[in-house]
Structure formats: C-alpha cells, structure tokens
N, C-alpha and C. Protein backbone atom coordinates (compact mmCIF):
# COMPACT_ATOMS: atom_id res chain seq x y z
N MET A 1 4.29 46.28 -53.40
CA MET A 1 3.06 45.59 -53.07
C MET A 1 2.41 45.12 -54.37
N ALA A 2 1.94 43.90 -54.36
CA ALA A 2 1.28 43.34 -55.54
C ALA A 2 -0.08 44.00 -55.72
N PRO A 3 -0.52 44.19 -56.98
CA PRO A 3 -1.82 44.83 -57.22
C PRO A 3 -2.98 44.04 -56.62
N VAL A 4 -2.85 42.72 -56.54
CA VAL A 4 -3.92 41.91 -55.99
C VAL A 4 -4.02 42.08 -54.48
N ALA A 5 -2.90 42.30 -53.84
CA ALA A 5 -2.90 42.46 -52.38
C ALA A 5 -3.64 43.71 -51.95
N ALA A 6 -3.75 44.68 -52.82
CA ALA A 6 -4.40 45.93 -52.47
C ALA A 6 -5.91 45.89 -52.70
N THR A 7 -6.43 44.80 -53.22
CA THR A 7 -7.87 44.69 -53.50
C THR A 7 -8.53 43.77 -52.49
N ALA A 8 -9.84 43.90 -52.37
CA ALA A 8 -10.59 43.00 -51.51
C ALA A 8 -10.64 41.61 -52.16
N ILE A 9 -10.68 40.59 -51.36
CA ILE A 9 -10.62 39.22 -51.88
C ILE A 9 -11.81 38.90 -52.77
N LEU A 10 -12.99 39.29 -52.37
CA LEU A 10 -14.19 38.94 -53.13
C LEU A 10 -14.71 40.09 -54.01
N SER A 11 -13.92 41.10 -54.20
CA SER A 11 -14.36 42.25 -54.99
C SER A 11 -14.28 41.95 -56.49
N PRO A 12 -15.35 42.21 -57.24
CA PRO A 12 -15.30 42.00 -58.69
C PRO A 12 -14.68 43.19 -59.44
N ALA A 13 -14.30 44.25 -58.72
CA ALA A 13 -13.77 45.45 -59.36
C ALA A 13 -12.54 45.19 -60.23
N PRO A 14 -11.56 44.36 -59.81
CA PRO A 14 -10.39 44.13 -60.68
C PRO A 14 -10.76 43.49 -62.02
N LEU A 15 -11.84 42.74 -62.06
CA LEU A 15 -12.24 42.11 -63.32
C LEU A 15 -12.67 43.13 -64.36
N LEU A 16 -13.02 44.32 -63.92
CA LEU A 16 -13.44 45.37 -64.84
C LEU A 16 -12.27 46.19 -65.36
N ARG A 17 -11.10 46.03 -64.76
CA ARG A 17 -9.93 46.80 -65.19
C ARG A 17 -9.12 45.98 -66.19
N ARG A 18 -8.95 46.51 -67.38
CA ARG A 18 -8.25 45.78 -68.44
C ARG A 18 -6.79 45.50 -68.09
N ASP A 19 -6.11 46.44 -67.44
CA ASP A 19 -4.70 46.22 -67.12
C ASP A 19 -4.54 45.07 -66.11
N TRP A 20 -5.41 45.01 -65.12
CA TRP A 20 -5.34 43.92 -64.15
C TRP A 20 -5.68 42.60 -64.81
N LEU A 21 -6.70 42.61 -65.64
CA LEU A 21 -7.11 41.38 -66.32
C LEU A 21 -6.03 40.88 -67.26
N ARG A 22 -5.35 41.79 -67.94
CA ARG A 22 -4.27 41.41 -68.85
C ARG A 22 -3.11 40.77 -68.06
N ALA A 23 -2.81 41.32 -66.91
CA ALA A 23 -1.69 40.83 -66.11
C ALA A 23 -2.03 39.55 -65.35
N ASN A 24 -3.27 39.37 -64.93
CA ASN A 24 -3.62 38.25 -64.05
C ASN A 24 -4.67 37.31 -64.61
N GLY A 25 -5.17 37.59 -65.80
CA GLY A 25 -6.25 36.79 -66.36
C GLY A 25 -5.89 35.34 -66.59
N ARG A 26 -4.70 35.08 -67.11
CA ARG A 26 -4.30 33.70 -67.39
C ARG A 26 -4.19 32.88 -66.10
N ARG A 27 -3.54 33.46 -65.10
CA ARG A 27 -3.38 32.76 -63.83
C ARG A 27 -4.74 32.53 -63.17
N MET A 28 -5.61 33.53 -63.24
CA MET A 28 -6.94 33.38 -62.67
C MET A 28 -7.74 32.34 -63.45
N GLY A 29 -7.58 32.31 -64.76
CA GLY A 29 -8.28 31.34 -65.60
C GLY A 29 -7.86 29.92 -65.32
N LEU A 30 -6.64 29.73 -64.85
CA LEU A 30 -6.18 28.39 -64.49
C LEU A 30 -6.63 27.99 -63.09
N ARG A 31 -6.69 28.96 -62.19
CA ARG A 31 -7.05 28.65 -60.79
C ARG A 31 -8.55 28.53 -60.57
N ALA A 32 -9.34 29.25 -61.34
CA ALA A 32 -10.80 29.24 -61.13
C ALA A 32 -11.40 27.85 -61.31
N PRO A 33 -11.09 27.08 -62.36
CA PRO A 33 -11.68 25.74 -62.48
C PRO A 33 -11.22 24.79 -61.37
N VAL A 34 -9.98 24.94 -60.93
CA VAL A 34 -9.49 24.10 -59.83
C VAL A 34 -10.25 24.42 -58.55
N GLY A 35 -10.45 25.70 -58.26
CA GLY A 35 -11.22 26.10 -57.08
C GLY A 35 -12.65 25.64 -57.15
N LEU A 36 -13.25 25.74 -58.32
CA LEU A 36 -14.63 25.29 -58.50
C LEU A 36 -14.75 23.79 -58.29
N ALA A 37 -13.79 23.03 -58.81
CA ALA A 37 -13.80 21.57 -58.63
C ALA A 37 -13.65 21.20 -57.15
N LEU A 38 -12.76 21.90 -56.44
CA LEU A 38 -12.60 21.63 -55.01
C LEU A 38 -13.86 21.96 -54.23
N TRP A 39 -14.50 23.07 -54.59
CA TRP A 39 -15.72 23.48 -53.90
C TRP A 39 -16.84 22.47 -54.15
N LEU A 40 -17.02 22.06 -55.40
CA LEU A 40 -18.07 21.08 -55.72
C LEU A 40 -17.77 19.74 -55.05
N GLY A 41 -16.51 19.35 -55.05
CA GLY A 41 -16.14 18.11 -54.38
C GLY A 41 -16.44 18.14 -52.89
N SER A 42 -16.15 19.27 -52.26
CA SER A 42 -16.42 19.37 -50.82
C SER A 42 -17.93 19.37 -50.54
N LEU A 43 -18.72 19.96 -51.44
CA LEU A 43 -20.17 19.91 -51.25
C LEU A 43 -20.69 18.47 -51.32
N HIS A 44 -20.18 17.70 -52.26
CA HIS A 44 -20.64 16.33 -52.42
C HIS A 44 -20.11 15.41 -51.32
N LEU A 45 -18.95 15.72 -50.75
CA LEU A 45 -18.42 14.91 -49.65
C LEU A 45 -19.04 15.30 -48.31
N HIS A 46 -19.69 16.43 -48.24
CA HIS A 46 -20.24 16.93 -46.99
C HIS A 46 -21.21 15.94 -46.36
N SER A 47 -22.13 15.41 -47.15
CA SER A 47 -23.12 14.48 -46.58
C SER A 47 -22.47 13.17 -46.16
N LEU A 48 -21.44 12.73 -46.85
CA LEU A 48 -20.75 11.49 -46.48
C LEU A 48 -20.01 11.66 -45.15
N LEU A 49 -19.40 12.81 -44.96
CA LEU A 49 -18.59 13.03 -43.76
C LEU A 49 -19.41 13.47 -42.55
N SER A 50 -20.43 14.30 -42.75
CA SER A 50 -21.16 14.83 -41.61
C SER A 50 -22.55 14.22 -41.46
N GLY A 51 -23.06 13.58 -42.50
CA GLY A 51 -24.37 12.98 -42.41
C GLY A 51 -25.52 13.94 -42.73
N VAL A 52 -25.19 15.18 -43.07
CA VAL A 52 -26.18 16.19 -43.38
C VAL A 52 -25.90 16.71 -44.78
N SER A 53 -26.91 16.67 -45.64
CA SER A 53 -26.72 17.12 -47.02
C SER A 53 -26.77 18.64 -47.10
N PRO A 54 -25.86 19.26 -47.87
CA PRO A 54 -25.92 20.71 -48.05
C PRO A 54 -26.91 21.11 -49.12
N PHE A 55 -27.48 20.13 -49.83
CA PHE A 55 -28.41 20.39 -50.91
C PHE A 55 -29.86 20.34 -50.38
N PRO A 56 -30.76 21.11 -50.97
CA PRO A 56 -32.15 21.06 -50.53
C PRO A 56 -32.77 19.69 -50.80
N ALA A 57 -33.69 19.30 -49.97
CA ALA A 57 -34.32 17.98 -50.11
C ALA A 57 -35.33 17.95 -51.23
C-alpha cells in the first residue's frame, strides 16, 4: 500500500513528516501549481458558464 493511500486526502499531517515530504515533495510541488491554476480557471469560468459569479459583489 502506498503511504499516501493510507492518509486522508485533505489532511496536512503528511506535510509535517520529513520522510513523506522527502519522498513526495517534488511530485507534490509539481502538481500543486497545476491544481491551483485549474481551480482559479474554473472560478473565473463559473460566471461565464452559469451566469452567477462565485466572487462577492
């Protein structure tokens, strides 16, 4: 079983463990900006597609 599979998806606990960070830090560092860009893109497309802005007025 992979060490990541045994942790909760949104748990910050693995970030505090040096062994996990050493093994998965590079991969996480590459995926985090891509996920952030997708999330921001979906927020900005939300009003175009649904007509309702997710941002406060």
